[in-house]
Every structure is written in C-alpha cells, then in structure tokens.
Amino acid sequence: MEQIKQFLIDEATKVITTAILIGGTIIVFIIIGLIVGRFIRRHKQKRRRAVTLAKMIQSIFRYTVSIIIIIIILDVWGVNIMPVLAGAGILGLAIGFGAQSLIKDLIAGMAIVFENYYDIDDVIEINGFKGRVEELGLKSTRIVNWKGEVKTFFNGDIKDVVNYSKNPSTGIVDIEVDYQESIDRVIALLDEKLINLKDTFPQILEGPNVIGVIKVLRKGFIIRIIIKTMPETHYSVEREVQKQVKELFEQNNIRLATEHLVIDREQTDQLS
C-alpha cells in the first residue's frame, strides 16, 4: 500500500494528466453521442441515409480519438512509440498484434456505408437471417428479426446481402375457387370490393389488381391478386385482402375449392 502511495506521489503529474485525458475523452464521447442521438431522433423517419452516415462518422470519430489519446498517454508516461512505428510501420504493428480481422472489418464497414449496401432501419438478410438493421458500425452490423432475436455480424464476414428495403414490395394473395363458380363473376366482385383498399392502407402504391386465373386444378381454379406497397409493408395488406375476400365470398355464396370424391357407378356395379 505504501508503495502505491509513493508511486502516486512521485508520478502525480502523470496520473492527473492521464485521468484528465481519459475523463475528457469520455465527456467528449458522451456529448457526441447526445448530438448524434438527437439528430437520429429528428431524421430517423425521413432520411435513413443521413442517420447511417451520422452513426458511421461517430464510429470513425471514436476509433480515431481513442488511438490519439492512447498515443498521448503513452507519451506522457515516457513511452516513445515513434521508433516502433518507424521500424515496423503502423500496418506491421497492427498485424503483429493480431489485428488483421479488425482491419478487415473496418475496411468492409466503410465499403458497406459508402457503397450504400444498406442503411440503418433497412430490412436485410444475411446468411439466412432476416431482420431490421439496428446498428451499423465500422466493425459490425447488428440486426433484429420480427421475433426480437438479435444477431451481430462482423462486417468482414458479410459476403452476400439481400436488401428488401431498396425497392417496393409485392404482396401476393392466391384464392382457390370452386370450379363450378363463374370466373368472370368472381373477378368482377373482387375488383369491385378491393378497389377502395388503398384508402385504408396508405402504404399501397399500386393495386390491388386481380390479374386473373393463374392455374386450373382438379378441384377448382386459382385467382391471383397482387398489391405493390412500400418496402416490407405488404404483410398487413395481404391479411386484409384475405379477410375481405372471405367476407365477399360469404355474402355472395361463392364457394372455395374443395376436394371432390367422384364415384363411377357403372364401374362399381361391374366390380360387385
């Protein structure tokens, strides 16, 4: 204990300087975090790209400032790292400390942002895991799926990405109708019933459009309805279309396709 006290007394200036540097850095990080957080809250629903760039700039700032502060603190304690940097080079020093994967992640992270592969709040799929981008940093990407499961991917490991938020989504509803029903009557009723759906669902960009019969089965025929919506907003529209189709069929006594059992009486008599 005495040795620690004596050390603090002897190195008081260095200890105080180090504490001020670390404390000041933490305060700066908090302030920047508050500024970025406020910016995100104001622009999150309007400009995903701006939010993504703001988060990326914050991440770059953290890494840069952290490295500078570490170098300054080492210099305060009399550690001259210049000969090391001159002898091995920054890249060689990083590799020597086993940071190849970190460099790979950082480069991949910058490529993701500046090549505009995806932004925060985009719905993407990586290695079969589909969800909303919750966090995008220089080192990693964190996404959360509809069940609330969170998965983090290192940027350097991301090879293939499917982005569902770049283009409008298409909702598809297939209705199997009994083969005895009139195709023209069913299509006309669907067109009349579904035309006002856009008034209830502003995310609809086009449709619903009844495109007609797409397949004929032994038990009936399939009529397809398509709806173009804003990205990843078609699920609720599909559910409403199915609900309205059911109500429409019940009101007009239209039967859905069901399996039919056909008995050939003549062949049955022969067998008996």
C-alpha atoms as a PDB file:
ATOM      1  CA  MET A   1       0.000   0.000   0.000  1.00  0.00           C
ATOM      2  CA  GLU A   2       2.842   2.359   0.856  1.00  0.00           C
ATOM      3  CA  GLN A   3       4.468   1.637  -2.461  1.00  0.00           C
ATOM      4  CA  ILE A   4       1.263   2.605  -4.274  1.00  0.00           C
ATOM      5  CA  LYS A   5       1.007   5.863  -2.327  1.00  0.00           C
ATOM      6  CA  GLN A   6       4.633   6.688  -3.018  1.00  0.00           C
ATOM      7  CA  PHE A   7       4.136   5.895  -6.693  1.00  0.00           C
ATOM      8  CA  LEU A   8       1.128   8.219  -6.882  1.00  0.00           C
ATOM      9  CA  ILE A   9       3.100  10.985  -5.157  1.00  0.00           C
ATOM     10  CA  ASP A  10       6.115  10.588  -7.428  1.00  0.00           C
ATOM     11  CA  GLU A  11       4.037  10.357 -10.587  1.00  0.00           C
ATOM     12  CA  ALA A  12       1.246  12.725  -9.536  1.00  0.00           C
ATOM     13  CA  THR A  13       1.531  14.884 -12.649  1.00  0.00           C
ATOM     14  CA  LYS A  14       1.375  11.896 -14.988  1.00  0.00           C
ATOM     15  CA  VAL A  15      -1.537  10.339 -13.089  1.00  0.00           C
ATOM     16  CA  ILE A  16      -3.520  13.593 -13.106  1.00  0.00           C
ATOM     17  CA  THR A  17      -2.783  14.190 -16.790  1.00  0.00           C
ATOM     18  CA  THR A  18      -3.854  10.650 -17.660  1.00  0.00           C
ATOM     19  CA  ALA A  19      -7.048  10.994 -15.621  1.00  0.00           C
ATOM     20  CA  ILE A  20      -7.852  14.313 -17.312  1.00  0.00           C
ATOM     21  CA  LEU A  21      -7.258  12.829 -20.779  1.00  0.00           C
ATOM     22  CA  ILE A  22      -9.420   9.772 -20.105  1.00  0.00           C
ATOM     23  CA  GLY A  23     -12.139  11.808 -18.380  1.00  0.00           C
ATOM     24  CA  GLY A  24     -12.137  14.424 -21.116  1.00  0.00           C
ATOM     25  CA  THR A  25     -12.383  11.743 -23.786  1.00  0.00           C
ATOM     26  CA  ILE A  26     -15.354  10.126 -22.052  1.00  0.00           C
ATOM     27  CA  ILE A  27     -17.096  13.508 -21.766  1.00  0.00           C
ATOM     28  CA  VAL A  28     -16.481  14.215 -25.469  1.00  0.00           C
ATOM     29  CA  PHE A  29     -17.864  10.791 -26.409  1.00  0.00           C
ATOM     30  CA  ILE A  30     -20.989  11.440 -24.313  1.00  0.00           C
ATOM     31  CA  ILE A  31     -21.534  14.859 -25.905  1.00  0.00           C
ATOM     32  CA  ILE A  32     -21.064  13.487 -29.422  1.00  0.00           C
ATOM     33  CA  GLY A  33     -23.404  10.607 -28.568  1.00  0.00           C
ATOM     34  CA  LEU A  34     -26.101  13.037 -27.403  1.00  0.00           C
ATOM     35  CA  ILE A  35     -25.725  15.160 -30.547  1.00  0.00           C
ATOM     36  CA  VAL A  36     -25.914  12.136 -32.846  1.00  0.00           C
ATOM     37  CA  GLY A  37     -28.818  10.693 -30.857  1.00  0.00           C
ATOM     38  CA  ARG A  38     -30.763  13.929 -31.201  1.00  0.00           C
ATOM     39  CA  PHE A  39     -30.013  14.059 -34.928  1.00  0.00           C
ATOM     40  CA  ILE A  40     -31.208  10.459 -35.362  1.00  0.00           C
ATOM     41  CA  ARG A  41     -34.452  11.091 -33.485  1.00  0.00           C
ATOM     42  CA  ARG A  42     -35.211  14.062 -35.738  1.00  0.00           C
ATOM     43  CA  HIS A  43     -34.363  12.386 -39.041  1.00  0.00           C
ATOM     44  CA  LYS A  44     -34.922   8.658 -38.464  1.00  0.00           C
ATOM     45  CA  GLN A  45     -38.241   8.502 -40.305  1.00  0.00           C
ATOM     46  CA  LYS A  46     -37.161  10.806 -43.147  1.00  0.00           C
ATOM     47  CA  ARG A  47     -33.559  10.129 -44.125  1.00  0.00           C
ATOM     48  CA  ARG A  48     -32.130   6.706 -43.363  1.00  0.00           C
ATOM     49  CA  ARG A  49     -29.001   7.522 -45.301  1.00  0.00           C
ATOM     50  CA  ALA A  50     -28.276  10.577 -43.154  1.00  0.00           C
ATOM     51  CA  VAL A  51     -28.766   8.536 -39.984  1.00  0.00           C
ATOM     52  CA  THR A  52     -26.407   5.828 -41.235  1.00  0.00           C
ATOM     53  CA  LEU A  53     -23.690   8.338 -42.139  1.00  0.00           C
ATOM     54  CA  ALA A  54     -24.092  10.063 -38.775  1.00  0.00           C
ATOM     55  CA  LYS A  55     -23.584   6.775 -36.938  1.00  0.00           C
ATOM     56  CA  MET A  56     -20.616   5.881 -39.127  1.00  0.00           C
ATOM     57  CA  ILE A  57     -18.954   9.270 -38.571  1.00  0.00           C
ATOM     58  CA  GLN A  58     -19.476   8.815 -34.835  1.00  0.00           C
ATOM     59  CA  SER A  59     -17.845   5.388 -35.018  1.00  0.00           C
ATOM     60  CA  ILE A  60     -14.859   6.720 -37.002  1.00  0.00           C
ATOM     61  CA  PHE A  61     -14.514   9.594 -34.526  1.00  0.00           C
ATOM     62  CA  ARG A  62     -14.418   7.178 -31.579  1.00  0.00           C
ATOM     63  CA  TYR A  63     -11.720   4.996 -33.121  1.00  0.00           C
ATOM     64  CA  THR A  64      -9.600   7.977 -34.213  1.00  0.00           C
ATOM     65  CA  VAL A  65      -9.810   9.834 -30.899  1.00  0.00           C
ATOM     66  CA  SER A  66      -9.164   6.641 -28.913  1.00  0.00           C
ATOM     67  CA  ILE A  67      -5.979   5.918 -30.870  1.00  0.00           C
ATOM     68  CA  ILE A  68      -4.754   9.519 -30.491  1.00  0.00           C
ATOM     69  CA  ILE A  69      -5.445   9.536 -26.729  1.00  0.00           C
ATOM     70  CA  ILE A  70      -3.635   6.233 -26.268  1.00  0.00           C
ATOM     71  CA  ILE A  71      -0.577   7.613 -28.090  1.00  0.00           C
ATOM     72  CA  ILE A  72      -0.666  10.811 -25.977  1.00  0.00           C
ATOM     73  CA  ILE A  73      -0.968   8.839 -22.715  1.00  0.00           C
ATOM     74  CA  LEU A  74       1.954   6.621 -23.692  1.00  0.00           C
ATOM     75  CA  ASP A  75       3.977   9.734 -24.433  1.00  0.00           C
ATOM     76  CA  VAL A  76       3.030  11.214 -21.031  1.00  0.00           C
ATOM     77  CA  TRP A  77       4.430   8.113 -19.345  1.00  0.00           C
ATOM     78  CA  GLY A  78       7.626   8.339 -21.339  1.00  0.00           C
ATOM     79  CA  VAL A  79       6.902   5.567 -23.807  1.00  0.00           C
ATOM     80  CA  ASN A  80       8.300   6.623 -27.169  1.00  0.00           C
ATOM     81  CA  ILE A  81       6.398   4.675 -29.779  1.00  0.00           C
ATOM     82  CA  MET A  82       7.905   6.502 -32.770  1.00  0.00           C
ATOM     83  CA  PRO A  83      10.833   4.074 -33.156  1.00  0.00           C
ATOM     84  CA  VAL A  84       8.371   1.197 -33.136  1.00  0.00           C
ATOM     85  CA  LEU A  85       6.179   2.856 -35.739  1.00  0.00           C
ATOM     86  CA  ALA A  86       9.182   3.797 -37.851  1.00  0.00           C
ATOM     87  CA  GLY A  87      10.697   0.318 -37.633  1.00  0.00           C
ATOM     88  CA  ALA A  88       7.644  -1.786 -38.287  1.00  0.00           C
ATOM     89  CA  GLY A  89       5.093   0.626 -39.748  1.00  0.00           C
ATOM     90  CA  ILE A  90       1.536   1.044 -38.495  1.00  0.00           C
ATOM     91  CA  LEU A  91       0.241  -1.836 -40.602  1.00  0.00           C
ATOM     92  CA  GLY A  92       3.016  -4.143 -39.470  1.00  0.00           C
ATOM     93  CA  LEU A  93       2.368  -3.176 -35.859  1.00  0.00           C
ATOM     94  CA  ALA A  94      -1.341  -3.946 -36.257  1.00  0.00           C
ATOM     95  CA  ILE A  95      -0.624  -7.313 -37.839  1.00  0.00           C
ATOM     96  CA  GLY A  96       1.899  -8.032 -35.111  1.00  0.00           C
ATOM     97  CA  PHE A  97      -0.845  -7.598 -32.537  1.00  0.00           C
ATOM     98  CA  GLY A  98      -3.155  -9.929 -34.428  1.00  0.00           C
ATOM     99  CA  ALA A  99      -5.493  -7.191 -35.677  1.00  0.00           C
ATOM    100  CA  GLN A 100      -5.865  -8.471 -39.236  1.00  0.00           C
ATOM    101  CA  SER A 101      -9.521  -9.282 -38.683  1.00  0.00           C
ATOM    102  CA  LEU A 102     -10.143  -5.844 -37.167  1.00  0.00           C
ATOM    103  CA  ILE A 103      -8.651  -4.101 -40.196  1.00  0.00           C
ATOM    104  CA  LYS A 104     -10.722  -6.349 -42.439  1.00  0.00           C
ATOM    105  CA  ASP A 105     -13.905  -5.440 -40.538  1.00  0.00           C
ATOM    106  CA  LEU A 106     -13.139  -1.701 -40.624  1.00  0.00           C
ATOM    107  CA  ILE A 107     -12.489  -1.671 -44.366  1.00  0.00           C
ATOM    108  CA  ALA A 108     -15.631  -3.745 -45.014  1.00  0.00           C
ATOM    109  CA  GLY A 109     -17.665  -1.423 -42.779  1.00  0.00           C
ATOM    110  CA  MET A 110     -16.599   1.653 -44.738  1.00  0.00           C
ATOM    111  CA  ALA A 111     -17.363  -0.155 -48.005  1.00  0.00           C
ATOM    112  CA  ILE A 112     -20.862  -1.069 -46.787  1.00  0.00           C
ATOM    113  CA  VAL A 113     -21.653   2.545 -45.951  1.00  0.00           C
ATOM    114  CA  PHE A 114     -20.058   4.339 -48.870  1.00  0.00           C
ATOM    115  CA  GLU A 115     -21.228   1.763 -51.435  1.00  0.00           C
ATOM    116  CA  ASN A 116     -24.720   2.089 -49.889  1.00  0.00           C
ATOM    117  CA  TYR A 117     -25.325  -1.649 -49.457  1.00  0.00           C
ATOM    118  CA  TYR A 118     -27.807  -0.938 -46.676  1.00  0.00           C
ATOM    119  CA  ASP A 119     -28.707   1.684 -44.101  1.00  0.00           C
ATOM    120  CA  ILE A 120     -29.972   1.684 -40.530  1.00  0.00           C
ATOM    121  CA  ASP A 121     -33.622   0.523 -40.387  1.00  0.00           C
ATOM    122  CA  ASP A 122     -33.346  -1.314 -43.714  1.00  0.00           C
ATOM    123  CA  VAL A 123     -34.679  -4.866 -43.731  1.00  0.00           C
ATOM    124  CA  ILE A 124     -31.920  -7.180 -44.937  1.00  0.00           C
ATOM    125  CA  GLU A 125     -30.989 -10.852 -44.959  1.00  0.00           C
ATOM    126  CA  ILE A 126     -27.501 -12.119 -44.141  1.00  0.00           C
ATOM    127  CA  ASN A 127     -26.714 -15.838 -44.150  1.00  0.00           C
ATOM    128  CA  GLY A 128     -30.405 -16.731 -43.909  1.00  0.00           C
ATOM    129  CA  PHE A 129     -31.095 -14.336 -41.011  1.00  0.00           C
ATOM    130  CA  LYS A 130     -33.609 -11.652 -41.957  1.00  0.00           C
ATOM    131  CA  GLY A 131     -34.252  -8.580 -39.872  1.00  0.00           C
ATOM    132  CA  ARG A 132     -34.059  -4.812 -39.469  1.00  0.00           C
ATOM    133  CA  VAL A 133     -30.642  -3.133 -39.243  1.00  0.00           C
ATOM    134  CA  GLU A 134     -30.497  -1.847 -35.678  1.00  0.00           C
ATOM    135  CA  GLU A 135     -26.849  -0.789 -35.583  1.00  0.00           C
ATOM    136  CA  LEU A 136     -24.233  -0.283 -38.278  1.00  0.00           C
ATOM    137  CA  GLY A 137     -20.697   0.425 -37.167  1.00  0.00           C
ATOM    138  CA  LEU A 138     -17.240   0.203 -38.631  1.00  0.00           C
ATOM    139  CA  LYS A 139     -16.655  -3.202 -37.083  1.00  0.00           C
ATOM    140  CA  SER A 140     -20.034  -4.938 -37.089  1.00  0.00           C
ATOM    141  CA  THR A 141     -23.678  -4.896 -38.111  1.00  0.00           C
ATOM    142  CA  ARG A 142     -26.469  -5.754 -35.686  1.00  0.00           C
ATOM    143  CA  ILE A 143     -29.905  -6.787 -36.941  1.00  0.00           C
ATOM    144  CA  VAL A 144     -33.075  -7.820 -35.119  1.00  0.00           C
ATOM    145  CA  ASN A 145     -35.773 -10.050 -36.608  1.00  0.00           C
ATOM    146  CA  TRP A 146     -39.551  -9.910 -36.115  1.00  0.00           C
ATOM    147  CA  LYS A 147     -39.302 -12.219 -33.084  1.00  0.00           C
ATOM    148  CA  GLY A 148     -36.928  -9.835 -31.330  1.00  0.00           C
ATOM    149  CA  GLU A 149     -33.884 -12.053 -31.827  1.00  0.00           C
ATOM    150  CA  VAL A 150     -30.705 -10.017 -32.254  1.00  0.00           C
ATOM    151  CA  LYS A 151     -27.725 -11.173 -34.273  1.00  0.00           C
ATOM    152  CA  THR A 152     -24.401  -9.412 -34.809  1.00  0.00           C
ATOM    153  CA  PHE A 153     -22.266  -9.959 -37.904  1.00  0.00           C
ATOM    154  CA  PHE A 154     -18.672  -8.813 -38.256  1.00  0.00           C
ATOM    155  CA  ASN A 155     -18.549  -6.662 -41.386  1.00  0.00           C
ATOM    156  CA  GLY A 156     -15.572  -8.545 -42.779  1.00  0.00           C
ATOM    157  CA  ASP A 157     -17.575 -11.799 -42.735  1.00  0.00           C
ATOM    158  CA  ILE A 158     -20.533 -10.408 -44.695  1.00  0.00           C
ATOM    159  CA  LYS A 159     -20.373 -11.711 -48.257  1.00  0.00           C
ATOM    160  CA  ASP A 160     -23.938 -11.777 -49.592  1.00  0.00           C
ATOM    161  CA  VAL A 161     -26.689  -9.391 -48.536  1.00  0.00           C
ATOM    162  CA  VAL A 162     -30.308  -9.249 -49.656  1.00  0.00           C
ATOM    163  CA  ASN A 163     -31.796  -5.785 -49.096  1.00  0.00           C
ATOM    164  CA  TYR A 164     -35.597  -5.764 -49.015  1.00  0.00           C
ATOM    165  CA  SER A 165     -35.858  -2.011 -48.457  1.00  0.00           C
ATOM    166  CA  LYS A 166     -34.444  -0.683 -51.709  1.00  0.00           C
ATOM    167  CA  ASN A 167     -37.485  -1.357 -53.901  1.00  0.00           C
ATOM    168  CA  PRO A 168     -41.271  -1.616 -53.395  1.00  0.00           C
ATOM    169  CA  SER A 169     -42.628  -4.921 -52.113  1.00  0.00           C
ATOM    170  CA  THR A 170     -45.231  -7.013 -53.900  1.00  0.00           C
ATOM    171  CA  GLY A 171     -47.975  -8.709 -51.922  1.00  0.00           C
ATOM    172  CA  ILE A 172     -49.498 -11.834 -53.468  1.00  0.00           C
ATOM    173  CA  VAL A 173     -52.804 -13.417 -52.482  1.00  0.00           C
ATOM    174  CA  ASP A 174     -53.932 -16.610 -54.228  1.00  0.00           C
ATOM    175  CA  ILE A 175     -57.587 -17.647 -53.894  1.00  0.00           C
ATOM    176  CA  GLU A 176     -58.684 -21.191 -54.737  1.00  0.00           C
ATOM    177  CA  VAL A 177     -62.261 -21.042 -56.056  1.00  0.00           C
ATOM    178  CA  ASP A 178     -64.600 -23.958 -56.712  1.00  0.00           C
ATOM    179  CA  TYR A 179     -64.582 -24.951 -60.385  1.00  0.00           C
ATOM    180  CA  GLN A 180     -68.383 -24.591 -60.648  1.00  0.00           C
ATOM    181  CA  GLU A 181     -68.193 -20.837 -59.941  1.00  0.00           C
ATOM    182  CA  SER A 182     -68.180 -18.277 -62.755  1.00  0.00           C
ATOM    183  CA  ILE A 183     -64.688 -16.877 -63.289  1.00  0.00           C
ATOM    184  CA  ASP A 184     -65.958 -13.580 -64.701  1.00  0.00           C
ATOM    185  CA  ARG A 185     -68.398 -13.098 -61.801  1.00  0.00           C
ATOM    186  CA  VAL A 186     -65.727 -13.759 -59.154  1.00  0.00           C
ATOM    187  CA  ILE A 187     -63.212 -11.399 -60.782  1.00  0.00           C
ATOM    188  CA  ALA A 188     -65.829  -8.648 -61.153  1.00  0.00           C
ATOM    189  CA  LEU A 189     -66.807  -8.941 -57.470  1.00  0.00           C
ATOM    190  CA  LEU A 190     -63.176  -8.850 -56.355  1.00  0.00           C
ATOM    191  CA  ASP A 191     -62.446  -5.760 -58.457  1.00  0.00           C
ATOM    192  CA  GLU A 192     -65.489  -4.007 -57.016  1.00  0.00           C
ATOM    193  CA  LYS A 193     -64.745  -4.952 -53.391  1.00  0.00           C
ATOM    194  CA  LEU A 194     -60.985  -4.308 -53.271  1.00  0.00           C
ATOM    195  CA  ILE A 195     -60.802  -1.050 -55.208  1.00  0.00           C
ATOM    196  CA  ASN A 196     -61.111   1.104 -52.061  1.00  0.00           C
ATOM    197  CA  LEU A 197     -58.478  -0.747 -50.035  1.00  0.00           C
ATOM    198  CA  LYS A 198     -55.902   1.953 -50.800  1.00  0.00           C
ATOM    199  CA  ASP A 199     -57.927   4.448 -48.752  1.00  0.00           C
ATOM    200  CA  THR A 200     -57.340   2.337 -45.630  1.00  0.00           C
ATOM    201  CA  PHE A 201     -53.717   1.397 -46.310  1.00  0.00           C
ATOM    202  CA  PRO A 202     -51.640   4.421 -47.441  1.00  0.00           C
ATOM    203  CA  GLN A 203     -48.597   2.173 -47.943  1.00  0.00           C
ATOM    204  CA  ILE A 204     -50.240   0.750 -51.081  1.00  0.00           C
ATOM    205  CA  LEU A 205     -48.541   2.138 -54.181  1.00  0.00           C
ATOM    206  CA  GLU A 206     -50.484   0.176 -56.792  1.00  0.00           C
ATOM    207  CA  GLY A 207     -53.470  -2.148 -56.746  1.00  0.00           C
ATOM    208  CA  PRO A 208     -54.922  -4.402 -55.533  1.00  0.00           C
ATOM    209  CA  ASN A 209     -55.015  -5.819 -59.042  1.00  0.00           C
ATOM    210  CA  VAL A 210     -56.894  -9.017 -59.829  1.00  0.00           C
ATOM    211  CA  ILE A 211     -54.722 -10.455 -62.585  1.00  0.00           C
ATOM    212  CA  GLY A 212     -56.992 -13.446 -63.246  1.00  0.00           C
ATOM    213  CA  VAL A 213     -56.714 -17.216 -63.249  1.00  0.00           C
ATOM    214  CA  ILE A 214     -53.156 -18.450 -62.941  1.00  0.00           C
ATOM    215  CA  LYS A 215     -53.818 -22.171 -62.563  1.00  0.00           C
ATOM    216  CA  VAL A 216     -56.613 -24.687 -63.048  1.00  0.00           C
ATOM    217  CA  LEU A 217     -56.813 -27.599 -60.628  1.00  0.00           C
ATOM    218  CA  ARG A 218     -58.981 -30.702 -60.391  1.00  0.00           C
ATOM    219  CA  LYS A 219     -60.896 -29.135 -57.514  1.00  0.00           C
ATOM    220  CA  GLY A 220     -61.134 -25.595 -58.960  1.00  0.00           C
ATOM    221  CA  PHE A 221     -59.051 -22.676 -60.166  1.00  0.00           C
ATOM    222  CA  ILE A 222     -56.670 -20.174 -58.568  1.00  0.00           C
ATOM    223  CA  ILE A 223     -57.188 -16.426 -58.929  1.00  0.00           C
ATOM    224  CA  ARG A 224     -54.227 -14.238 -58.066  1.00  0.00           C
ATOM    225  CA  ILE A 225     -54.365 -10.747 -56.555  1.00  0.00           C
ATOM    226  CA  ILE A 226     -51.219  -8.591 -56.395  1.00  0.00           C
ATOM    227  CA  ILE A 227     -50.549  -5.403 -54.445  1.00  0.00           C
ATOM    228  CA  LYS A 228     -47.467  -3.188 -54.729  1.00  0.00           C
ATOM    229  CA  THR A 229     -46.588  -1.481 -51.455  1.00  0.00           C
ATOM    230  CA  MET A 230     -43.799   0.474 -49.836  1.00  0.00           C
ATOM    231  CA  PRO A 231     -40.843  -1.776 -48.898  1.00  0.00           C
ATOM    232  CA  GLU A 232     -41.681  -4.530 -46.404  1.00  0.00           C
ATOM    233  CA  THR A 233     -45.193  -3.220 -45.653  1.00  0.00           C
ATOM    234  CA  HIS A 234     -47.213  -5.732 -47.683  1.00  0.00           C
ATOM    235  CA  TYR A 235     -47.900  -8.256 -44.924  1.00  0.00           C
ATOM    236  CA  SER A 236     -50.785  -6.390 -43.293  1.00  0.00           C
ATOM    237  CA  VAL A 237     -52.273  -5.636 -46.708  1.00  0.00           C
ATOM    238  CA  GLU A 238     -52.213  -9.330 -47.648  1.00  0.00           C
ATOM    239  CA  ARG A 239     -54.019 -10.197 -44.418  1.00  0.00           C
ATOM    240  CA  GLU A 240     -56.718  -7.595 -45.061  1.00  0.00           C
ATOM    241  CA  VAL A 241     -57.223  -8.787 -48.640  1.00  0.00           C
ATOM    242  CA  GLN A 242     -57.758 -12.349 -47.437  1.00  0.00           C
ATOM    243  CA  LYS A 243     -60.228 -11.119 -44.795  1.00  0.00           C
ATOM    244  CA  GLN A 244     -62.239  -9.118 -47.329  1.00  0.00           C
ATOM    245  CA  VAL A 245     -62.229 -11.972 -49.832  1.00  0.00           C
ATOM    246  CA  LYS A 246     -63.661 -14.315 -47.202  1.00  0.00           C
ATOM    247  CA  GLU A 247     -66.415 -11.821 -46.329  1.00  0.00           C
ATOM    248  CA  LEU A 248     -67.179 -11.221 -50.001  1.00  0.00           C
ATOM    249  CA  PHE A 249     -67.476 -14.940 -50.738  1.00  0.00           C
ATOM    250  CA  GLU A 250     -69.765 -15.491 -47.752  1.00  0.00           C
ATOM    251  CA  GLN A 251     -72.040 -12.602 -48.762  1.00  0.00           C
ATOM    252  CA  ASN A 252     -72.332 -13.848 -52.359  1.00  0.00           C
ATOM    253  CA  ASN A 253     -72.381 -17.614 -51.683  1.00  0.00           C
ATOM    254  CA  ILE A 254     -69.172 -18.215 -53.584  1.00  0.00           C
ATOM    255  CA  ARG A 255     -67.527 -21.494 -52.688  1.00  0.00           C
ATOM    256  CA  LEU A 256     -63.846 -22.051 -52.176  1.00  0.00           C
ATOM    257  CA  ALA A 257     -62.250 -25.024 -53.857  1.00  0.00           C
ATOM    258  CA  THR A 258     -62.726 -28.311 -52.016  1.00  0.00           C
ATOM    259  CA  GLU A 259     -61.747 -31.863 -52.769  1.00  0.00           C
ATOM    260  CA  HIS A 260     -64.399 -33.835 -54.651  1.00  0.00           C
ATOM    261  CA  LEU A 261     -64.925 -37.557 -54.464  1.00  0.00           C
ATOM    262  CA  VAL A 262     -66.099 -38.910 -57.828  1.00  0.00           C
ATOM    263  CA  ILE A 263     -67.748 -42.349 -57.857  1.00  0.00           C
ATOM    264  CA  ASP A 264     -68.219 -44.168 -61.135  1.00  0.00           C
ATOM    265  CA  ARG A 265     -71.428 -46.150 -60.510  1.00  0.00           C
ATOM    266  CA  GLU A 266     -71.077 -48.214 -63.675  1.00  0.00           C
ATOM    267  CA  GLN A 267     -67.569 -49.367 -62.758  1.00  0.00           C
ATOM    268  CA  THR A 268     -68.673 -50.027 -59.174  1.00  0.00           C
ATOM    269  CA  ASP A 269     -71.529 -52.253 -60.348  1.00  0.00           C
ATOM    270  CA  GLN A 270     -69.144 -54.206 -62.551  1.00  0.00           C
ATOM    271  CA  LEU A 271     -66.789 -54.828 -59.638  1.00  0.00           C
ATOM    272  CA  SER A 272     -69.641 -56.017 -57.411  1.00  0.00           C
END
